[in-house]
All heavy atoms as atom14 arrays in JSON, in Angstrom:
{
  "sequence": "GGVSSTAADMAKWLQMELADGKFDGKQVVDAQALQTSRVPHMTSSP",
  "atom14_mask": [
    [1, 1, 1, 1, 0, 0, 0, 0, 0, 0, 0, 0, 0, 0],
    [1, 1, 1, 1, 0, 0, 0, 0, 0, 0, 0, 0, 0, 0],
    [1, 1, 1, 1, 1, 1, 1, 0, 0, 0, 0, 0, 0, 0],
    [1, 1, 1, 1, 1, 1, 0, 0, 0, 0, 0, 0, 0, 0],
    [1, 1, 1, 1, 1, 1, 0, 0, 0, 0, 0, 0, 0, 0],
    [1, 1, 1, 1, 1, 1, 1, 0, 0, 0, 0, 0, 0, 0],
    [1, 1, 1, 1, 1, 0, 0, 0, 0, 0, 0, 0, 0, 0],
    [1, 1, 1, 1, 1, 0, 0, 0, 0, 0, 0, 0, 0, 0],
    [1, 1, 1, 1, 1, 1, 1, 1, 0, 0, 0, 0, 0, 0],
    [1, 1, 1, 1, 1, 1, 1, 1, 0, 0, 0, 0, 0, 0],
    [1, 1, 1, 1, 1, 0, 0, 0, 0, 0, 0, 0, 0, 0],
    [1, 1, 1, 1, 1, 1, 1, 1, 1, 0, 0, 0, 0, 0],
    [1, 1, 1, 1, 1, 1, 1, 1, 1, 1, 1, 1, 1, 1],
    [1, 1, 1, 1, 1, 1, 1, 1, 0, 0, 0, 0, 0, 0],
    [1, 1, 1, 1, 1, 1, 1, 1, 1, 0, 0, 0, 0, 0],
    [1, 1, 1, 1, 1, 1, 1, 1, 0, 0, 0, 0, 0, 0],
    [1, 1, 1, 1, 1, 1, 1, 1, 1, 0, 0, 0, 0, 0],
    [1, 1, 1, 1, 1, 1, 1, 1, 0, 0, 0, 0, 0, 0],
    [1, 1, 1, 1, 1, 0, 0, 0, 0, 0, 0, 0, 0, 0],
    [1, 1, 1, 1, 1, 1, 1, 1, 0, 0, 0, 0, 0, 0],
    [1, 1, 1, 1, 0, 0, 0, 0, 0, 0, 0, 0, 0, 0],
    [1, 1, 1, 1, 1, 1, 1, 1, 1, 0, 0, 0, 0, 0],
    [1, 1, 1, 1, 1, 1, 1, 1, 1, 1, 1, 0, 0, 0],
    [1, 1, 1, 1, 1, 1, 1, 1, 0, 0, 0, 0, 0, 0],
    [1, 1, 1, 1, 0, 0, 0, 0, 0, 0, 0, 0, 0, 0],
    [1, 1, 1, 1, 1, 1, 1, 1, 1, 0, 0, 0, 0, 0],
    [1, 1, 1, 1, 1, 1, 1, 1, 1, 0, 0, 0, 0, 0],
    [1, 1, 1, 1, 1, 1, 1, 0, 0, 0, 0, 0, 0, 0],
    [1, 1, 1, 1, 1, 1, 1, 0, 0, 0, 0, 0, 0, 0],
    [1, 1, 1, 1, 1, 1, 1, 1, 0, 0, 0, 0, 0, 0],
    [1, 1, 1, 1, 1, 0, 0, 0, 0, 0, 0, 0, 0, 0],
    [1, 1, 1, 1, 1, 1, 1, 1, 1, 0, 0, 0, 0, 0],
    [1, 1, 1, 1, 1, 0, 0, 0, 0, 0, 0, 0, 0, 0],
    [1, 1, 1, 1, 1, 1, 1, 1, 0, 0, 0, 0, 0, 0],
    [1, 1, 1, 1, 1, 1, 1, 1, 1, 0, 0, 0, 0, 0],
    [1, 1, 1, 1, 1, 1, 1, 0, 0, 0, 0, 0, 0, 0],
    [1, 1, 1, 1, 1, 1, 0, 0, 0, 0, 0, 0, 0, 0],
    [1, 1, 1, 1, 1, 1, 1, 1, 1, 1, 1, 0, 0, 0],
    [1, 1, 1, 1, 1, 1, 1, 0, 0, 0, 0, 0, 0, 0],
    [1, 1, 1, 1, 1, 1, 1, 0, 0, 0, 0, 0, 0, 0],
    [1, 1, 1, 1, 1, 1, 1, 1, 1, 1, 0, 0, 0, 0],
    [1, 1, 1, 1, 1, 1, 1, 1, 0, 0, 0, 0, 0, 0],
    [1, 1, 1, 1, 1, 1, 1, 0, 0, 0, 0, 0, 0, 0],
    [1, 1, 1, 1, 1, 1, 0, 0, 0, 0, 0, 0, 0, 0],
    [1, 1, 1, 1, 1, 1, 0, 0, 0, 0, 0, 0, 0, 0],
    [1, 1, 1, 1, 1, 1, 1, 0, 0, 0, 0, 0, 0, 0]
  ],
  "atom14_positions": [
    [[12.98, 2.54, -8.04], [12.47, 2.81, -9.39], [12.43, 1.62, -10.31], [12.23, 1.8, -11.5], [0.0, 0.0, 0.0], [0.0, 0.0, 0.0], [0.0, 0.0, 0.0], [0.0, 0.0, 0.0], [0.0, 0.0, 0.0], [0.0, 0.0, 0.0], [0.0, 0.0, 0.0], [0.0, 0.0, 0.0], [0.0, 0.0, 0.0], [0.0, 0.0, 0.0]],
    [[12.61, 0.4, -9.78], [12.8, -0.74, -10.65], [11.62, -1.67, -10.83], [11.76, -2.72, -11.48], [0.0, 0.0, 0.0], [0.0, 0.0, 0.0], [0.0, 0.0, 0.0], [0.0, 0.0, 0.0], [0.0, 0.0, 0.0], [0.0, 0.0, 0.0], [0.0, 0.0, 0.0], [0.0, 0.0, 0.0], [0.0, 0.0, 0.0], [0.0, 0.0, 0.0]],
    [[10.45, -1.34, -10.29], [9.3, -2.23, -10.44], [8.69, -2.09, -11.83], [8.61, -0.98, -12.38], [8.23, -1.94, -9.37], [7.01, -2.86, -9.54], [8.81, -2.12, -7.96], [0.0, 0.0, 0.0], [0.0, 0.0, 0.0], [0.0, 0.0, 0.0], [0.0, 0.0, 0.0], [0.0, 0.0, 0.0], [0.0, 0.0, 0.0], [0.0, 0.0, 0.0]],
    [[8.27, -3.21, -12.41], [7.44, -3.19, -13.62], [6.16, -3.94, -13.3], [6.16, -4.9, -12.53], [8.17, -3.83, -14.8], [8.56, -5.17, -14.51], [0.0, 0.0, 0.0], [0.0, 0.0, 0.0], [0.0, 0.0, 0.0], [0.0, 0.0, 0.0], [0.0, 0.0, 0.0], [0.0, 0.0, 0.0], [0.0, 0.0, 0.0], [0.0, 0.0, 0.0]],
    [[5.06, -3.48, -13.89], [3.76, -4.08, -13.55], [2.74, -3.75, -14.64], [3.05, -3.06, -15.62], [3.29, -3.56, -12.19], [2.13, -4.25, -11.76], [0.0, 0.0, 0.0], [0.0, 0.0, 0.0], [0.0, 0.0, 0.0], [0.0, 0.0, 0.0], [0.0, 0.0, 0.0], [0.0, 0.0, 0.0], [0.0, 0.0, 0.0], [0.0, 0.0, 0.0]],
    [[1.53, -4.23, -14.44], [0.42, -4.01, -15.36], [-0.72, -3.3, -14.64], [-0.76, -3.27, -13.41], [-0.11, -5.35, -15.89], [-0.72, -6.06, -14.8], [1.01, -6.21, -16.48], [0.0, 0.0, 0.0], [0.0, 0.0, 0.0], [0.0, 0.0, 0.0], [0.0, 0.0, 0.0], [0.0, 0.0, 0.0], [0.0, 0.0, 0.0], [0.0, 0.0, 0.0]],
    [[-1.64, -2.77, -15.4], [-2.82, -2.15, -14.79], [-3.61, -3.18, -13.99], [-4.1, -2.89, -12.89], [-3.69, -1.52, -15.87], [0.0, 0.0, 0.0], [0.0, 0.0, 0.0], [0.0, 0.0, 0.0], [0.0, 0.0, 0.0], [0.0, 0.0, 0.0], [0.0, 0.0, 0.0], [0.0, 0.0, 0.0], [0.0, 0.0, 0.0], [0.0, 0.0, 0.0]],
    [[-3.73, -4.4, -14.52], [-4.47, -5.45, -13.81], [-3.83, -5.8, -12.48], [-4.51, -5.98, -11.46], [-4.58, -6.69, -14.7], [0.0, 0.0, 0.0], [0.0, 0.0, 0.0], [0.0, 0.0, 0.0], [0.0, 0.0, 0.0], [0.0, 0.0, 0.0], [0.0, 0.0, 0.0], [0.0, 0.0, 0.0], [0.0, 0.0, 0.0], [0.0, 0.0, 0.0]],
    [[-2.5, -5.9, -12.47], [-1.8, -6.19, -11.21], [-1.89, -5.03, -10.24], [-2.06, -5.22, -9.03], [-0.33, -6.52, -11.49], [-0.12, -7.97, -11.9], [-1.12, -8.7, -12.06], [1.05, -8.37, -12.06], [0.0, 0.0, 0.0], [0.0, 0.0, 0.0], [0.0, 0.0, 0.0], [0.0, 0.0, 0.0], [0.0, 0.0, 0.0], [0.0, 0.0, 0.0]],
    [[-1.75, -3.81, -10.74], [-1.81, -2.64, -9.86], [-3.17, -2.51, -9.2], [-3.28, -2.0, -8.07], [-1.45, -1.39, -10.64], [0.03, -1.27, -11.0], [1.12, -1.34, -9.55], [0.63, 0.16, -8.69], [0.0, 0.0, 0.0], [0.0, 0.0, 0.0], [0.0, 0.0, 0.0], [0.0, 0.0, 0.0], [0.0, 0.0, 0.0], [0.0, 0.0, 0.0]],
    [[-4.23, -2.96, -9.88], [-5.56, -2.93, -9.26], [-5.56, -3.77, -7.99], [-6.19, -3.39, -6.98], [-6.6, -3.44, -10.24], [0.0, 0.0, 0.0], [0.0, 0.0, 0.0], [0.0, 0.0, 0.0], [0.0, 0.0, 0.0], [0.0, 0.0, 0.0], [0.0, 0.0, 0.0], [0.0, 0.0, 0.0], [0.0, 0.0, 0.0], [0.0, 0.0, 0.0]],
    [[-4.86, -4.9, -7.99], [-4.79, -5.76, -6.81], [-4.03, -5.07, -5.68], [-4.42, -5.15, -4.5], [-4.13, -7.09, -7.17], [-4.91, -7.89, -8.2], [-4.13, -9.11, -8.66], [-4.9, -9.87, -9.74], [-4.16, -11.04, -10.24], [0.0, 0.0, 0.0], [0.0, 0.0, 0.0], [0.0, 0.0, 0.0], [0.0, 0.0, 0.0], [0.0, 0.0, 0.0]],
    [[-2.96, -4.4, -6.04], [-2.19, -3.67, -5.01], [-3.03, -2.54, -4.41], [-3.02, -2.32, -3.2], [-0.9, -3.14, -5.62], [-0.01, -2.46, -4.63], [0.86, -3.05, -3.76], [0.08, -1.05, -4.38], [1.49, -2.1, -2.99], [1.04, -0.87, -3.35], [-0.55, 0.06, -4.93], [1.37, 0.4, -2.87], [-0.22, 1.32, -4.45], [0.73, 1.48, -3.43]],
    [[-3.76, -1.81, -5.24], [-4.64, -0.75, -4.74], [-5.7, -1.32, -3.8], [-5.99, -0.73, -2.75], [-5.32, -0.03, -5.91], [-4.45, 0.83, -6.83], [-5.26, 1.28, -8.04], [-3.87, 2.03, -6.1], [0.0, 0.0, 0.0], [0.0, 0.0, 0.0], [0.0, 0.0, 0.0], [0.0, 0.0, 0.0], [0.0, 0.0, 0.0], [0.0, 0.0, 0.0]],
    [[-6.27, -2.47, -4.15], [-7.26, -3.1, -3.28], [-6.66, -3.43, -1.92], [-7.29, -3.21, -0.88], [-7.8, -4.37, -3.95], [-8.71, -4.11, -5.14], [-9.07, -5.39, -5.86], [-8.21, -6.01, -6.5], [-10.32, -5.8, -5.76], [0.0, 0.0, 0.0], [0.0, 0.0, 0.0], [0.0, 0.0, 0.0], [0.0, 0.0, 0.0], [0.0, 0.0, 0.0]],
    [[-5.45, -3.97, -1.92], [-4.78, -4.3, -0.67], [-4.53, -3.05, 0.17], [-4.78, -3.04, 1.38], [-3.45, -5.02, -0.97], [-2.62, -5.38, 0.26], [-1.56, -4.02, 0.86], [-0.38, -3.87, -0.47], [0.0, 0.0, 0.0], [0.0, 0.0, 0.0], [0.0, 0.0, 0.0], [0.0, 0.0, 0.0], [0.0, 0.0, 0.0], [0.0, 0.0, 0.0]],
    [[-4.05, -1.99, -0.47], [-3.79, -0.74, 0.25], [-5.06, -0.18, 0.88], [-5.06, 0.25, 2.03], [-3.17, 0.28, -0.71], [-1.73, 0.03, -1.07], [-0.76, 0.54, -0.02], [-1.11, 1.48, 0.71], [0.34, -0.02, 0.07], [0.0, 0.0, 0.0], [0.0, 0.0, 0.0], [0.0, 0.0, 0.0], [0.0, 0.0, 0.0], [0.0, 0.0, 0.0]],
    [[-6.14, -0.17, 0.12], [-7.4, 0.4, 0.62], [-8.03, -0.47, 1.7], [-8.86, 0.0, 2.48], [-8.37, 0.61, -0.54], [-7.99, 1.75, -1.5], [-8.8, 1.67, -2.77], [-8.16, 3.11, -0.83], [0.0, 0.0, 0.0], [0.0, 0.0, 0.0], [0.0, 0.0, 0.0], [0.0, 0.0, 0.0], [0.0, 0.0, 0.0], [0.0, 0.0, 0.0]],
    [[-7.64, -1.76, 1.74], [-8.14, -2.67, 2.78], [-7.15, -2.8, 3.93], [-7.22, -3.77, 4.7], [-8.43, -4.03, 2.16], [0.0, 0.0, 0.0], [0.0, 0.0, 0.0], [0.0, 0.0, 0.0], [0.0, 0.0, 0.0], [0.0, 0.0, 0.0], [0.0, 0.0, 0.0], [0.0, 0.0, 0.0], [0.0, 0.0, 0.0], [0.0, 0.0, 0.0]],
    [[-6.24, -1.83, 4.06], [-5.26, -1.83, 5.15], [-4.47, -3.13, 5.23], [-4.25, -3.69, 6.31], [-5.93, -1.53, 6.49], [-6.52, -0.14, 6.56], [-5.94, 0.78, 5.95], [-7.57, 0.04, 7.2], [0.0, 0.0, 0.0], [0.0, 0.0, 0.0], [0.0, 0.0, 0.0], [0.0, 0.0, 0.0], [0.0, 0.0, 0.0], [0.0, 0.0, 0.0]],
    [[-4.04, -3.59, 4.07], [-3.15, -4.75, 4.03], [-3.82, -6.07, 3.75], [-3.14, -7.09, 3.58], [0.0, 0.0, 0.0], [0.0, 0.0, 0.0], [0.0, 0.0, 0.0], [0.0, 0.0, 0.0], [0.0, 0.0, 0.0], [0.0, 0.0, 0.0], [0.0, 0.0, 0.0], [0.0, 0.0, 0.0], [0.0, 0.0, 0.0], [0.0, 0.0, 0.0]],
    [[-5.15, -6.1, 3.68], [-5.85, -7.36, 3.43], [-6.12, -7.55, 1.94], [-6.33, -6.58, 1.21], [-7.19, -7.38, 4.17], [-7.08, -7.65, 5.66], [-8.45, -7.8, 6.28], [-8.34, -8.11, 7.78], [-9.68, -8.27, 8.39], [0.0, 0.0, 0.0], [0.0, 0.0, 0.0], [0.0, 0.0, 0.0], [0.0, 0.0, 0.0], [0.0, 0.0, 0.0]],
    [[-6.16, -8.82, 1.54], [-6.54, -9.15, 0.16], [-7.17, -10.52, 0.16], [-6.6, -11.48, 0.69], [-5.31, -9.13, -0.76], [-5.64, -9.31, -2.21], [-6.18, -8.25, -2.95], [-5.46, -10.53, -2.84], [-6.49, -8.41, -4.29], [-5.76, -10.7, -4.18], [-6.29, -9.63, -4.91], [0.0, 0.0, 0.0], [0.0, 0.0, 0.0], [0.0, 0.0, 0.0]],
    [[-8.36, -10.63, -0.4], [-9.12, -11.89, -0.42], [-9.25, -12.47, 0.99], [-9.12, -13.69, 1.19], [-8.46, -12.9, -1.35], [-8.79, -12.64, -2.82], [-9.7, -11.83, -3.09], [-8.14, -13.25, -3.69], [0.0, 0.0, 0.0], [0.0, 0.0, 0.0], [0.0, 0.0, 0.0], [0.0, 0.0, 0.0], [0.0, 0.0, 0.0], [0.0, 0.0, 0.0]],
    [[-9.47, -11.58, 1.95], [-9.7, -12.03, 3.31], [-8.47, -12.36, 4.12], [-8.57, -12.71, 5.3], [0.0, 0.0, 0.0], [0.0, 0.0, 0.0], [0.0, 0.0, 0.0], [0.0, 0.0, 0.0], [0.0, 0.0, 0.0], [0.0, 0.0, 0.0], [0.0, 0.0, 0.0], [0.0, 0.0, 0.0], [0.0, 0.0, 0.0], [0.0, 0.0, 0.0]],
    [[-7.29, -12.25, 3.5], [-6.04, -12.58, 4.2], [-5.23, -11.32, 4.44], [-5.12, -10.46, 3.58], [-5.23, -13.57, 3.37], [-3.92, -13.99, 4.02], [-3.14, -14.94, 3.12], [-1.81, -15.33, 3.75], [-1.02, -16.22, 2.87], [0.0, 0.0, 0.0], [0.0, 0.0, 0.0], [0.0, 0.0, 0.0], [0.0, 0.0, 0.0], [0.0, 0.0, 0.0]],
    [[-4.64, -11.22, 5.64], [-3.78, -10.08, 5.96], [-2.41, -10.3, 5.33], [-1.56, -11.01, 5.86], [-3.64, -9.91, 7.47], [-3.08, -8.55, 7.89], [-4.1, -7.42, 7.72], [-5.25, -7.57, 8.06], [-3.65, -6.29, 7.21], [0.0, 0.0, 0.0], [0.0, 0.0, 0.0], [0.0, 0.0, 0.0], [0.0, 0.0, 0.0], [0.0, 0.0, 0.0]],
    [[-2.18, -9.68, 4.18], [-0.93, -9.86, 3.46], [0.16, -8.93, 4.01], [1.32, -9.32, 4.14], [-1.14, -9.58, 1.95], [0.18, -9.63, 1.18], [-2.13, -10.58, 1.37], [0.0, 0.0, 0.0], [0.0, 0.0, 0.0], [0.0, 0.0, 0.0], [0.0, 0.0, 0.0], [0.0, 0.0, 0.0], [0.0, 0.0, 0.0], [0.0, 0.0, 0.0]],
    [[-0.23, -7.7, 4.34], [0.71, -6.7, 4.86], [0.2, -6.22, 6.21], [-1.0, -5.94, 6.37], [0.83, -5.51, 3.88], [1.76, -4.43, 4.45], [1.35, -5.96, 2.52], [0.0, 0.0, 0.0], [0.0, 0.0, 0.0], [0.0, 0.0, 0.0], [0.0, 0.0, 0.0], [0.0, 0.0, 0.0], [0.0, 0.0, 0.0], [0.0, 0.0, 0.0]],
    [[1.11, -6.14, 7.18], [0.72, -5.72, 8.53], [0.08, -4.33, 8.49], [0.66, -3.37, 7.96], [1.96, -5.69, 9.42], [1.64, -5.31, 10.85], [1.14, -6.17, 11.59], [1.86, -4.13, 11.2], [0.0, 0.0, 0.0], [0.0, 0.0, 0.0], [0.0, 0.0, 0.0], [0.0, 0.0, 0.0], [0.0, 0.0, 0.0], [0.0, 0.0, 0.0]],
    [[-1.13, -4.22, 9.06], [-1.9, -2.99, 8.97], [-1.21, -1.82, 9.67], [-1.17, -0.7, 9.13], [-3.3, -3.2, 9.56], [0.0, 0.0, 0.0], [0.0, 0.0, 0.0], [0.0, 0.0, 0.0], [0.0, 0.0, 0.0], [0.0, 0.0, 0.0], [0.0, 0.0, 0.0], [0.0, 0.0, 0.0], [0.0, 0.0, 0.0], [0.0, 0.0, 0.0]],
    [[-0.66, -2.05, 10.86], [-0.05, -0.96, 11.6], [1.24, -0.48, 10.92], [1.5, 0.73, 10.82], [0.25, -1.36, 13.04], [0.79, -0.24, 13.91], [-0.12, 0.97, 13.92], [-1.3, 0.87, 14.24], [0.4, 2.14, 13.56], [0.0, 0.0, 0.0], [0.0, 0.0, 0.0], [0.0, 0.0, 0.0], [0.0, 0.0, 0.0], [0.0, 0.0, 0.0]],
    [[2.06, -1.42, 10.47], [3.3, -1.05, 9.78], [3.0, -0.3, 8.49], [3.69, 0.65, 8.12], [4.14, -2.28, 9.5], [0.0, 0.0, 0.0], [0.0, 0.0, 0.0], [0.0, 0.0, 0.0], [0.0, 0.0, 0.0], [0.0, 0.0, 0.0], [0.0, 0.0, 0.0], [0.0, 0.0, 0.0], [0.0, 0.0, 0.0], [0.0, 0.0, 0.0]],
    [[1.93, -0.72, 7.8], [1.52, -0.04, 6.58], [1.03, 1.37, 6.89], [1.4, 2.34, 6.22], [0.43, -0.83, 5.87], [-0.03, -0.32, 4.51], [1.11, -0.33, 3.5], [-1.2, -1.15, 3.99], [0.0, 0.0, 0.0], [0.0, 0.0, 0.0], [0.0, 0.0, 0.0], [0.0, 0.0, 0.0], [0.0, 0.0, 0.0], [0.0, 0.0, 0.0]],
    [[0.23, 1.5, 7.93], [-0.29, 2.82, 8.29], [0.82, 3.76, 8.73], [0.77, 4.97, 8.46], [-1.35, 2.7, 9.39], [-1.98, 4.01, 9.82], [-2.63, 4.78, 8.66], [-2.99, 4.2, 7.65], [-2.75, 6.08, 8.82], [0.0, 0.0, 0.0], [0.0, 0.0, 0.0], [0.0, 0.0, 0.0], [0.0, 0.0, 0.0], [0.0, 0.0, 0.0]],
    [[1.84, 3.23, 9.38], [2.98, 4.06, 9.76], [3.62, 4.72, 8.54], [4.1, 5.85, 8.61], [4.03, 3.22, 10.52], [3.45, 2.71, 11.72], [5.26, 4.05, 10.88], [0.0, 0.0, 0.0], [0.0, 0.0, 0.0], [0.0, 0.0, 0.0], [0.0, 0.0, 0.0], [0.0, 0.0, 0.0], [0.0, 0.0, 0.0], [0.0, 0.0, 0.0]],
    [[3.58, 4.02, 7.41], [4.18, 4.59, 6.19], [3.29, 5.66, 5.58], [3.74, 6.42, 4.73], [4.42, 3.48, 5.16], [3.2, 3.03, 4.58], [0.0, 0.0, 0.0], [0.0, 0.0, 0.0], [0.0, 0.0, 0.0], [0.0, 0.0, 0.0], [0.0, 0.0, 0.0], [0.0, 0.0, 0.0], [0.0, 0.0, 0.0], [0.0, 0.0, 0.0]],
    [[2.03, 5.75, 6.04], [1.07, 6.65, 5.4], [0.69, 7.84, 6.26], [-0.35, 8.47, 6.05], [-0.18, 5.85, 4.99], [0.18, 4.69, 4.07], [-1.02, 3.99, 3.48], [-1.91, 3.43, 4.48], [-2.87, 2.54, 4.21], [-3.04, 2.11, 2.96], [-3.65, 2.07, 5.16], [0.0, 0.0, 0.0], [0.0, 0.0, 0.0], [0.0, 0.0, 0.0]],
    [[1.52, 8.15, 7.23], [1.34, 9.39, 8.0], [2.54, 10.29, 7.7], [3.6, 9.8, 7.32], [1.24, 9.13, 9.52], [0.02, 8.27, 9.82], [2.51, 8.48, 10.05], [0.0, 0.0, 0.0], [0.0, 0.0, 0.0], [0.0, 0.0, 0.0], [0.0, 0.0, 0.0], [0.0, 0.0, 0.0], [0.0, 0.0, 0.0], [0.0, 0.0, 0.0]],
    [[2.41, 11.6, 7.82], [3.53, 12.49, 7.48], [4.75, 12.26, 8.38], [4.63, 12.2, 9.6], [2.94, 13.89, 7.7], [1.46, 13.71, 7.59], [1.18, 12.35, 8.16], [0.0, 0.0, 0.0], [0.0, 0.0, 0.0], [0.0, 0.0, 0.0], [0.0, 0.0, 0.0], [0.0, 0.0, 0.0], [0.0, 0.0, 0.0], [0.0, 0.0, 0.0]],
    [[5.9, 12.12, 7.75], [7.17, 12.02, 8.47], [8.08, 13.19, 8.13], [9.06, 13.42, 8.84], [7.88, 10.71, 8.12], [7.25, 9.5, 8.73], [7.76, 8.87, 9.84], [6.13, 8.81, 8.38], [6.99, 7.83, 10.16], [5.99, 7.78, 9.28], [0.0, 0.0, 0.0], [0.0, 0.0, 0.0], [0.0, 0.0, 0.0], [0.0, 0.0, 0.0]],
    [[7.77, 13.92, 7.05], [8.63, 15.01, 6.63], [7.84, 15.99, 5.77], [6.94, 15.59, 5.03], [9.83, 14.46, 5.81], [11.01, 15.39, 5.73], [11.75, 15.68, 7.35], [12.89, 17.01, 6.97], [0.0, 0.0, 0.0], [0.0, 0.0, 0.0], [0.0, 0.0, 0.0], [0.0, 0.0, 0.0], [0.0, 0.0, 0.0], [0.0, 0.0, 0.0]],
    [[8.17, 17.26, 5.89], [7.6, 18.27, 4.99], [8.43, 18.27, 3.71], [9.62, 18.56, 3.73], [7.63, 19.67, 5.64], [6.86, 19.64, 6.84], [7.05, 20.71, 4.69], [0.0, 0.0, 0.0], [0.0, 0.0, 0.0], [0.0, 0.0, 0.0], [0.0, 0.0, 0.0], [0.0, 0.0, 0.0], [0.0, 0.0, 0.0], [0.0, 0.0, 0.0]],
    [[7.79, 17.9, 2.61], [8.52, 17.78, 1.36], [8.6, 19.1, 0.6], [9.59, 19.35, -0.1], [7.87, 16.72, 0.48], [6.5, 17.0, 0.26], [0.0, 0.0, 0.0], [0.0, 0.0, 0.0], [0.0, 0.0, 0.0], [0.0, 0.0, 0.0], [0.0, 0.0, 0.0], [0.0, 0.0, 0.0], [0.0, 0.0, 0.0], [0.0, 0.0, 0.0]],
    [[7.58, 19.95, 0.71], [7.6, 21.25, 0.04], [6.86, 22.26, 0.92], [5.63, 22.34, 0.88], [6.94, 21.16, -1.34], [5.64, 20.61, -1.24], [0.0, 0.0, 0.0], [0.0, 0.0, 0.0], [0.0, 0.0, 0.0], [0.0, 0.0, 0.0], [0.0, 0.0, 0.0], [0.0, 0.0, 0.0], [0.0, 0.0, 0.0], [0.0, 0.0, 0.0]],
    [[7.6, 23.02, 1.72], [6.97, 24.0, 2.61], [6.17, 25.02, 1.81], [6.58, 25.46, 0.74], [8.17, 24.67, 3.31], [9.3, 23.7, 3.17], [9.06, 23.0, 1.86], [0.0, 0.0, 0.0], [0.0, 0.0, 0.0], [0.0, 0.0, 0.0], [0.0, 0.0, 0.0], [0.0, 0.0, 0.0], [0.0, 0.0, 0.0], [0.0, 0.0, 0.0]]
  ]
}
């Protein structure tokens, strides 16, 4: 819960997420490790 940021900075993070870890043509975050975080691992509210 400790991150602080701006709308302008968050736009960059959203771009990276939607590009599976890439930003400005560079792979910043590993695509497979990122995708592993974006599949269901637990039912939060049955």
